[in-house]
């Protein structure tokens, strides 16, 4: 046992990905135990442990899929635990650990900086502590403003409980978690409230941009030319996908009586925009996902798989990855020897990483879907939707999650964990 502990310690000291993987695992374990104990339940009973592991994993991995109705199952303490798990998962294990260390006045070591760099997807080692301070400050600032804006809707509707509702949903939206405590139908009861949908949407978008983008915008304001290549790619891809998704959902669902048909034109546009936003790893739903057309389902799967941007609270293979794949393909068609974007040459190592992430993700999703078709009796497209939603840490569901078999729930738990920590991070943690 001592030898195992010594080997584990040595590995953690030299392997930042292993630290991140173990850190997320420990947070999930603690969260599962807290949710399992009676003081988290409304009925003061033990909650099914597998469901607690599922909810804890979904919270820490900022997914939003749920096997049980958390509104009815958990009391104020249980919901607070879920909210804190979402916050820790959104910020990341090392961000939280660094914040605690700074509060206690402890020194941030070189090993800590290496792990922070791995978590934030940065290529530089300098300025890691400053970056973490910026991440913490900007997160709490945005979530605080979001809570204030949401309170104008929730406080009049729910009274003093609306304050907690505002904080919970602001954190859940910014962290792209998609958990809500409004009942079984997510935000469907607010689908004609453009103010609420806009506030939630912009919290989701801000959470999915990434902290490196904030820094560029803060330093150079709105001078696009001075932004880094990363920021330019993120902003162009985010705007492009939002516009594309909004137009596509509007056209595909316009006459669908189960979704948009009965809305007026303005509400149709707003809900199409919200659907485009939420499929980018957020998981809130203003329309019933079981009622959307198969074409919209395929579009949702495509947007969910892409997800948000690096160093953000979002999941998916990331906007930068799909962008690099697109420009690489165009370069190949044009028979160019070099890949240039915004007058900058793209290194082969970045292209190689993008291809690796894409191939591993495609293979993993297909393997899981294949296994689920052997276990479950649902339609293939619905199982694919559920699988991509879990892997990309989105949280949208075709109402399958509560009815899945236990073995499927365990597979989805593993998939959510891989999706949040990252396939490459987990693979590198074993080297």
Protein backbone atom coordinates (compact mmCIF):
# COMPACT_ATOMS: atom_id res chain seq x y z
CA UNK A 1 0.00 0.00 0.00
CA UNK A 2 2.83 2.38 0.90
CA UNK A 3 4.54 1.60 -2.38
CA UNK A 4 1.32 2.32 -4.28
CA UNK A 5 0.91 5.67 -2.50
CA UNK A 6 4.55 6.56 -3.20
CA UNK A 7 4.15 5.66 -6.90
CA UNK A 8 0.93 7.69 -7.10
CA UNK A 9 2.61 10.69 -5.47
CA UNK A 10 5.57 10.49 -7.88
CA UNK A 11 3.20 10.29 -10.84
CA UNK A 12 1.17 13.28 -9.69
CA UNK A 13 4.31 15.36 -9.23
CA UNK A 14 5.42 14.78 -12.81
CA UNK A 15 2.09 14.43 -14.64
CA UNK A 16 -0.25 17.50 -14.66
CA UNK A 17 -3.02 15.67 -16.61
CA UNK A 18 -3.11 13.00 -13.88
CA UNK A 19 -3.59 15.72 -11.23
CA UNK A 20 -6.54 17.19 -13.14
CA UNK A 21 -8.13 13.78 -13.70
CA UNK A 22 -7.77 12.79 -10.05
CA UNK A 23 -8.94 16.23 -8.88
CA UNK A 24 -12.22 16.02 -10.80
CA UNK A 25 -12.71 12.44 -9.62
CA UNK A 26 -12.29 13.45 -5.95
CA UNK A 27 -14.77 16.36 -6.26
CA UNK A 28 -17.33 14.02 -7.87
CA UNK A 29 -16.84 11.45 -5.11
CA UNK A 30 -17.33 14.00 -2.32
CA UNK A 31 -20.37 15.43 -4.10
CA UNK A 32 -21.90 11.97 -4.52
CA UNK A 33 -21.57 11.23 -0.79
CA UNK A 34 -23.07 14.59 0.22
CA UNK A 35 -26.07 14.12 -2.09
CA UNK A 36 -26.54 10.53 -0.91
CA UNK A 37 -26.84 11.40 2.78
CA UNK A 38 -30.35 12.10 4.18
CA UNK A 39 -29.75 15.77 5.03
CA UNK A 40 -29.68 16.54 1.27
CA UNK A 41 -33.06 14.96 0.59
CA UNK A 42 -36.44 16.68 0.95
CA UNK A 43 -37.79 13.53 2.63
CA UNK A 44 -34.64 13.11 4.75
CA UNK A 45 -34.08 9.68 3.18
CA UNK A 46 -31.07 8.17 1.47
CA UNK A 47 -31.20 8.89 -2.26
CA UNK A 48 -30.29 6.09 -4.68
CA UNK A 49 -26.48 6.19 -4.74
CA UNK A 50 -26.12 5.63 -8.49
CA UNK A 51 -28.42 8.61 -9.09
CA UNK A 52 -26.29 10.67 -6.69
CA UNK A 53 -23.11 9.71 -8.57
CA UNK A 54 -24.85 10.60 -11.82
CA UNK A 55 -26.02 14.01 -10.55
CA UNK A 56 -22.64 14.77 -8.98
CA UNK A 57 -20.80 13.84 -12.19
CA UNK A 58 -23.27 15.81 -14.29
CA UNK A 59 -22.80 18.84 -11.99
CA UNK A 60 -19.00 18.77 -11.82
CA UNK A 61 -18.78 18.05 -15.53
CA UNK A 62 -21.26 20.94 -16.09
CA UNK A 63 -23.50 18.72 -18.19
CA UNK A 64 -27.04 19.02 -16.85
CA UNK A 65 -28.33 15.52 -17.59
CA UNK A 66 -30.32 14.15 -14.68
CA UNK A 67 -31.77 10.74 -13.84
CA UNK A 68 -34.09 12.25 -11.21
CA UNK A 69 -35.95 15.51 -10.72
CA UNK A 70 -33.56 17.50 -8.53
CA UNK A 71 -36.30 20.03 -7.73
CA UNK A 72 -38.46 17.39 -6.06
CA UNK A 73 -35.68 15.17 -4.69
CA UNK A 74 -33.31 17.60 -2.96
CA UNK A 75 -33.87 20.24 -0.30
CA UNK A 76 -32.14 23.63 -0.07
CA UNK A 77 -28.91 22.04 1.19
CA UNK A 78 -28.88 19.46 -1.60
CA UNK A 79 -29.49 22.10 -4.25
CA UNK A 80 -26.73 24.24 -2.76
CA UNK A 81 -24.36 21.28 -3.00
CA UNK A 82 -25.29 20.88 -6.67
CA UNK A 83 -24.76 24.61 -7.26
CA UNK A 84 -21.30 24.49 -5.64
CA UNK A 85 -20.38 21.39 -7.64
CA UNK A 86 -21.37 23.24 -10.82
CA UNK A 87 -19.23 26.21 -9.77
CA UNK A 88 -16.21 24.03 -9.00
CA UNK A 89 -16.65 22.09 -12.23
CA UNK A 90 -17.05 25.24 -14.29
CA UNK A 91 -14.00 26.95 -12.85
CA UNK A 92 -11.96 23.78 -12.84
CA UNK A 93 -10.21 21.83 -10.10
CA UNK A 94 -6.94 23.79 -10.17
CA UNK A 95 -8.67 27.17 -10.21
CA UNK A 96 -10.51 26.28 -7.01
CA UNK A 97 -7.38 24.81 -5.42
CA UNK A 98 -5.35 27.90 -6.33
CA UNK A 99 -8.06 30.21 -4.97
CA UNK A 100 -7.98 28.37 -1.62
CA UNK A 101 -4.18 28.50 -1.56
CA UNK A 102 -4.19 32.26 -2.23
CA UNK A 103 -6.76 32.83 0.53
CA UNK A 104 -4.59 30.85 2.97
CA UNK A 105 -1.50 32.75 1.82
CA UNK A 106 0.30 29.65 0.54
CA UNK A 107 2.91 29.79 -2.23
CA UNK A 108 1.93 28.60 -5.71
CA UNK A 109 4.64 26.14 -6.73
CA UNK A 110 6.04 25.38 -10.18
CA UNK A 111 4.14 22.08 -10.16
CA UNK A 112 0.91 23.99 -9.49
CA UNK A 113 1.64 26.33 -12.38
CA UNK A 114 2.21 23.38 -14.71
CA UNK A 115 -1.19 21.91 -13.78
CA UNK A 116 -2.88 25.31 -14.19
CA UNK A 117 -1.34 25.63 -17.66
CA UNK A 118 -2.69 22.19 -18.57
CA UNK A 119 -6.17 23.08 -17.32
CA UNK A 120 -6.29 26.46 -19.09
CA UNK A 121 -4.91 25.08 -22.35
CA UNK A 122 -2.14 27.67 -22.34
CA UNK A 123 1.25 27.35 -24.05
CA UNK A 124 3.03 29.74 -21.66
CA UNK A 125 4.06 29.07 -18.08
CA UNK A 126 4.44 32.69 -17.00
CA UNK A 127 1.46 34.61 -15.66
CA UNK A 128 -0.51 31.54 -14.53
CA UNK A 129 -1.40 32.92 -11.09
CA UNK A 130 -2.39 36.26 -12.59
CA UNK A 131 -4.58 34.37 -15.08
CA UNK A 132 -6.29 32.45 -12.27
CA UNK A 133 -6.99 35.71 -10.41
CA UNK A 134 -8.54 37.09 -13.59
CA UNK A 135 -10.62 33.92 -14.07
CA UNK A 136 -11.99 34.07 -10.52
CA UNK A 137 -12.72 37.80 -10.64
CA UNK A 138 -14.42 37.75 -14.04
CA UNK A 139 -16.45 34.63 -13.15
CA UNK A 140 -17.87 36.05 -9.93
CA UNK A 141 -18.46 39.45 -11.57
CA UNK A 142 -20.42 38.00 -14.49
CA UNK A 143 -22.34 35.55 -12.32
CA UNK A 144 -23.16 38.33 -9.84
CA UNK A 145 -24.48 40.61 -12.56
CA UNK A 146 -26.38 37.68 -14.05
CA UNK A 147 -28.01 36.91 -10.70
CA UNK A 148 -29.10 40.54 -10.32
CA UNK A 149 -30.64 40.57 -13.81
CA UNK A 150 -32.40 37.25 -13.27
CA UNK A 151 -33.80 38.43 -9.93
CA UNK A 152 -36.08 40.87 -11.78
CA UNK A 153 -37.92 37.80 -13.08
CA UNK A 154 -37.50 35.25 -10.30
CA UNK A 155 -38.08 37.40 -7.19
CA UNK A 156 -41.52 38.70 -8.31
CA UNK A 157 -42.50 35.14 -9.25
CA UNK A 158 -41.04 33.14 -6.33
CA UNK A 159 -40.63 35.75 -3.57
CA UNK A 160 -37.47 35.57 -1.42
CA UNK A 161 -36.73 32.11 -2.85
CA UNK A 162 -36.22 33.93 -6.12
CA UNK A 163 -32.88 35.24 -4.82
CA UNK A 164 -31.53 31.69 -4.55
CA UNK A 165 -33.13 30.83 -7.91
CA UNK A 166 -31.34 33.79 -9.49
CA UNK A 167 -27.93 32.82 -8.08
CA UNK A 168 -28.39 29.12 -8.96
CA UNK A 169 -29.43 29.74 -12.57
CA UNK A 170 -26.80 32.43 -13.13
CA UNK A 171 -24.05 30.01 -12.07
CA UNK A 172 -25.63 27.16 -14.03
CA UNK A 173 -25.91 29.30 -17.17
CA UNK A 174 -22.43 30.85 -17.04
CA UNK A 175 -20.87 27.46 -16.30
CA UNK A 176 -22.86 26.02 -19.22
CA UNK A 177 -24.32 23.38 -16.90
CA UNK A 178 -27.99 23.61 -17.85
CA UNK A 179 -29.28 22.48 -14.46
CA UNK A 180 -32.44 24.25 -13.34
CA UNK A 181 -34.66 24.03 -10.26
CA UNK A 182 -37.86 25.15 -11.95
CA UNK A 183 -39.50 21.73 -12.36
CA UNK A 184 -39.63 19.09 -15.06
CA UNK A 185 -39.85 21.35 -18.12
CA UNK A 186 -36.72 23.50 -17.75
CA UNK A 187 -37.40 26.98 -19.20
CA UNK A 188 -40.46 26.00 -21.26
CA UNK A 189 -42.63 28.00 -18.88
CA UNK A 190 -40.62 31.11 -19.79
CA UNK A 191 -40.46 30.64 -23.58
CA UNK A 192 -42.49 33.81 -24.15
CA UNK A 193 -40.29 35.83 -21.78
CA UNK A 194 -37.62 37.32 -24.08
CA UNK A 195 -35.89 39.15 -21.21
CA UNK A 196 -35.15 35.94 -19.28
CA UNK A 197 -34.13 34.02 -22.40
CA UNK A 198 -31.75 36.82 -23.44
CA UNK A 199 -30.11 37.01 -19.99
CA UNK A 200 -29.64 33.22 -19.83
CA UNK A 201 -28.39 33.21 -23.45
CA UNK A 202 -25.72 35.83 -22.89
CA UNK A 203 -24.53 34.14 -19.69
CA UNK A 204 -24.16 30.92 -21.70
CA UNK A 205 -22.32 32.71 -24.52
CA UNK A 206 -19.96 34.49 -22.13
CA UNK A 207 -19.24 31.23 -20.34
CA UNK A 208 -18.46 29.52 -23.63
CA UNK A 209 -16.07 32.14 -25.03
CA UNK A 210 -13.16 31.40 -22.71
CA UNK A 211 -11.10 33.56 -20.38
CA UNK A 212 -8.30 34.24 -22.89
CA UNK A 213 -10.89 36.02 -25.04
CA UNK A 214 -11.94 38.21 -22.09
CA UNK A 215 -8.34 39.28 -21.58
CA UNK A 216 -7.93 40.28 -25.23
CA UNK A 217 -11.19 42.24 -25.25
CA UNK A 218 -10.24 43.92 -21.97
CA UNK A 219 -6.77 44.86 -23.26
CA UNK A 220 -7.68 45.95 -26.79
CA UNK A 221 -11.38 46.81 -26.35
CA UNK A 222 -13.06 46.29 -29.74
CA UNK A 223 -9.98 46.58 -31.95
CA UNK A 224 -10.33 43.23 -33.76
CA UNK A 225 -6.99 43.57 -35.55
CA UNK A 226 -5.04 43.53 -32.29
CA UNK A 227 -6.70 40.40 -30.95
CA UNK A 228 -4.72 37.16 -30.79
CA UNK A 229 -5.34 34.51 -33.44
CA UNK A 230 -7.13 32.40 -30.83
CA UNK A 231 -9.56 35.21 -29.98
CA UNK A 232 -10.25 35.98 -33.63
CA UNK A 233 -11.06 32.33 -34.38
CA UNK A 234 -13.28 32.00 -31.30
CA UNK A 235 -15.28 35.16 -32.04
CA UNK A 236 -15.73 34.39 -35.73
CA UNK A 237 -16.77 30.78 -35.10
CA UNK A 238 -19.06 31.65 -32.19
CA UNK A 239 -20.88 34.36 -34.13
CA UNK A 240 -21.08 32.21 -37.25
CA UNK A 241 -22.48 29.19 -35.44
CA UNK A 242 -25.02 31.29 -33.51
CA UNK A 243 -26.33 32.92 -36.69
CA UNK A 244 -26.33 29.65 -38.62
CA UNK A 245 -28.08 27.78 -35.81
CA UNK A 246 -30.72 30.47 -35.31
CA UNK A 247 -31.65 30.64 -39.00
CA UNK A 248 -31.63 26.85 -39.38
CA UNK A 249 -33.81 26.18 -36.32
CA UNK A 250 -36.20 28.96 -37.36
CA UNK A 251 -36.69 27.40 -40.80
CA UNK A 252 -36.84 23.79 -39.62
CA UNK A 253 -39.22 24.37 -36.69
CA UNK A 254 -41.31 27.24 -38.08
CA UNK A 255 -44.37 25.07 -38.84
CA UNK A 256 -43.80 22.40 -36.20
CA UNK A 257 -46.89 22.40 -33.97
CA UNK A 258 -44.89 20.71 -31.17
CA UNK A 259 -42.39 23.56 -30.96
CA UNK A 260 -42.65 26.96 -32.71
CA UNK A 261 -45.83 26.98 -34.79
CA UNK A 262 -48.07 28.56 -32.14
CA UNK A 263 -45.59 31.35 -31.29
CA UNK A 264 -45.74 34.81 -32.82
CA UNK A 265 -42.89 35.79 -35.17
CA UNK A 266 -40.81 37.51 -32.48
CA UNK A 267 -41.05 34.55 -30.06
CA UNK A 268 -40.18 32.17 -32.90
CA UNK A 269 -36.97 34.13 -33.53
CA UNK A 270 -36.10 34.34 -29.82
CA UNK A 271 -36.65 30.61 -29.22
CA UNK A 272 -34.70 29.73 -32.37
CA UNK A 273 -31.84 31.88 -31.08
CA UNK A 274 -32.06 30.27 -27.64
CA UNK A 275 -32.02 26.78 -29.15
CA UNK A 276 -28.92 27.73 -31.14
CA UNK A 277 -27.26 29.01 -27.95
CA UNK A 278 -28.25 26.18 -25.61
CA UNK A 279 -27.11 23.39 -27.94
CA UNK A 280 -23.60 24.82 -27.62
CA UNK A 281 -23.18 22.84 -24.33
CA UNK A 282 -25.67 24.67 -22.08
CA UNK A 283 -28.61 22.25 -21.77
CA UNK A 284 -31.47 24.60 -20.88
CA UNK A 285 -34.59 24.04 -22.98
CA UNK A 286 -37.23 26.61 -23.90
CA UNK A 287 -38.97 24.14 -26.22
CA UNK A 288 -39.67 20.42 -25.74
CA UNK A 289 -36.72 18.52 -27.22
CA UNK A 290 -38.84 15.43 -27.84
CA UNK A 291 -41.00 17.46 -30.22
CA UNK A 292 -38.32 18.83 -32.56
CA UNK A 293 -38.02 17.44 -36.07
CA UNK A 294 -35.38 14.87 -36.99
CA UNK A 295 -33.64 17.52 -39.10
CA UNK A 296 -33.38 19.80 -36.06
CA UNK A 297 -32.18 16.86 -33.98
CA UNK A 298 -29.32 16.25 -36.43
CA UNK A 299 -28.50 19.97 -36.39
CA UNK A 300 -28.52 19.93 -32.56
CA UNK A 301 -26.14 16.95 -32.52
CA UNK A 302 -23.78 18.82 -34.87
CA UNK A 303 -23.79 21.98 -32.71
CA UNK A 304 -23.48 20.02 -29.46
CA UNK A 305 -20.49 18.07 -30.77
CA UNK A 306 -18.65 21.32 -31.61
CA UNK A 307 -19.46 22.93 -28.25
CA UNK A 308 -17.75 26.05 -26.91
CA UNK A 309 -14.20 27.35 -26.88
CA UNK A 310 -10.95 26.39 -25.07
CA UNK A 311 -10.35 27.66 -21.51
CA UNK A 312 -14.09 28.16 -21.09
CA UNK A 313 -16.80 26.45 -19.07
CA UNK A 314 -18.15 24.76 -22.22
CA UNK A 315 -17.55 21.26 -23.56
CA UNK A 316 -17.46 19.69 -27.02
CA UNK A 317 -14.45 19.36 -29.31
CA UNK A 318 -14.27 23.20 -29.27
CA UNK A 319 -14.74 25.90 -31.91
CA UNK A 320 -11.01 26.20 -32.54
CA UNK A 321 -10.74 22.49 -33.36
CA UNK A 322 -13.52 22.54 -35.96
CA UNK A 323 -12.12 25.79 -37.40
CA UNK A 324 -8.67 24.25 -37.86
CA UNK A 325 -10.21 21.19 -39.51
CA UNK A 326 -12.18 23.37 -41.92
CA UNK A 327 -9.22 25.56 -42.94
CA UNK A 328 -6.99 22.47 -43.22
CA UNK A 329 -9.52 20.87 -45.57
CA UNK A 330 -9.75 24.05 -47.66
CA UNK A 331 -5.95 24.22 -47.81
CA UNK A 332 -5.84 20.59 -48.94
CA UNK A 333 -8.41 21.24 -51.69
CA UNK A 334 -6.44 24.30 -52.86
CA UNK A 335 -3.23 22.24 -52.72
CA UNK A 336 -1.49 24.77 -50.47
CA UNK A 337 1.64 23.71 -48.63
CA UNK A 338 0.97 26.03 -45.69
CA UNK A 339 -2.17 26.92 -43.75
CA UNK A 340 -2.73 30.62 -43.15
CA UNK A 341 -5.51 32.28 -41.14
CA UNK A 342 -5.80 36.06 -40.60
CA UNK A 343 -2.32 36.39 -42.15
CA UNK A 344 -0.87 34.00 -39.56
CA UNK A 345 0.62 30.62 -40.36
CA UNK A 346 -0.86 27.66 -38.48
CA UNK A 347 1.72 25.22 -37.12
CA UNK A 348 1.39 21.53 -37.97
CA UNK A 349 1.36 20.64 -34.25
CA UNK A 350 -1.94 22.52 -33.79
CA UNK A 351 -3.44 20.80 -36.82
CA UNK A 352 -2.22 17.43 -35.56
CA UNK A 353 -3.81 18.06 -32.16
CA UNK A 354 -7.12 19.10 -33.76
CA UNK A 355 -7.18 15.96 -35.91
CA UNK A 356 -6.37 13.83 -32.86
CA UNK A 357 -9.16 15.34 -30.77
CA UNK A 358 -11.67 14.98 -33.62
CA UNK A 359 -10.82 11.36 -34.45
CA UNK A 360 -10.75 10.23 -30.79
CA UNK A 361 -14.06 11.99 -30.12
CA UNK A 362 -15.77 10.52 -33.19
CA UNK A 363 -14.55 7.01 -32.37
CA UNK A 364 -15.59 7.32 -28.72
CA UNK A 365 -19.09 8.61 -29.50
CA UNK A 366 -19.67 5.92 -32.12
CA UNK A 367 -18.42 3.18 -29.82
CA UNK A 368 -20.72 4.30 -27.00
CA UNK A 369 -23.74 4.61 -29.32
CA UNK A 370 -23.06 1.12 -30.66
CA UNK A 371 -23.01 -0.30 -27.13
CA UNK A 372 -26.19 1.59 -26.17
CA UNK A 373 -28.06 0.17 -29.17
CA UNK A 374 -27.33 -3.28 -27.73
CA UNK A 375 -28.59 -2.32 -24.27
CA UNK A 376 -31.50 0.07 -24.85
CA UNK A 377 -34.58 -0.14 -27.10
CA UNK A 378 -34.72 3.54 -28.08
CA UNK A 379 -34.30 4.92 -31.60
CA UNK A 380 -30.73 5.28 -32.84
CA UNK A 381 -31.00 9.02 -33.38
CA UNK A 382 -32.28 9.55 -29.82
CA UNK A 383 -29.42 7.45 -28.40
CA UNK A 384 -26.95 9.41 -30.53
CA UNK A 385 -28.47 12.67 -29.25
CA UNK A 386 -28.13 11.49 -25.63
CA UNK A 387 -24.56 10.28 -26.17
CA UNK A 388 -23.32 13.49 -27.80
CA UNK A 389 -25.14 15.52 -25.15
CA UNK A 390 -23.23 13.63 -22.45
CA UNK A 391 -19.84 13.69 -24.19
CA UNK A 392 -20.07 17.37 -25.10
CA UNK A 393 -21.38 18.15 -21.57
CA UNK A 394 -24.54 19.74 -22.96
CA UNK A 395 -27.39 18.29 -20.90
CA UNK A 396 -30.21 18.33 -23.44
CA UNK A 397 -32.20 15.11 -23.51
CA UNK A 398 -35.00 13.45 -25.44
CA UNK A 399 -36.42 12.45 -22.04
CA UNK A 400 -34.32 9.28 -22.06
CA UNK A 401 -32.05 9.91 -19.07
CA UNK A 402 -34.51 9.06 -16.23
CA UNK A 403 -35.50 5.82 -17.97
CA UNK A 404 -32.06 4.43 -18.81
CA UNK A 405 -30.90 1.12 -17.38
CA UNK A 406 -28.31 1.21 -14.62
CA UNK A 407 -25.53 -0.06 -16.87
CA UNK A 408 -26.32 2.72 -19.36
CA UNK A 409 -26.26 5.32 -16.59
CA UNK A 410 -22.77 4.15 -15.63
CA UNK A 411 -21.62 4.43 -19.24
CA UNK A 412 -23.03 7.96 -19.47
CA UNK A 413 -21.28 8.87 -16.19
CA UNK A 414 -17.93 7.77 -17.65
CA UNK A 415 -18.67 9.60 -20.89
CA UNK A 416 -19.51 12.86 -19.10
CA UNK A 417 -16.26 12.59 -17.14
CA UNK A 418 -14.22 12.03 -20.31
CA UNK A 419 -16.01 14.89 -22.04
CA UNK A 420 -15.29 17.39 -19.24
CA UNK A 421 -11.72 16.43 -18.40
CA UNK A 422 -10.87 15.85 -22.05
CA UNK A 423 -9.98 12.64 -23.92
CA UNK A 424 -6.36 13.71 -24.45
CA UNK A 425 -5.94 14.80 -20.81
CA UNK A 426 -7.15 11.41 -19.60
CA UNK A 427 -4.94 9.55 -22.09
CA UNK A 428 -1.89 11.62 -21.10
CA UNK A 429 -2.61 11.04 -17.41
CA UNK A 430 -1.60 7.39 -17.87
CA UNK A 431 1.81 8.24 -19.36
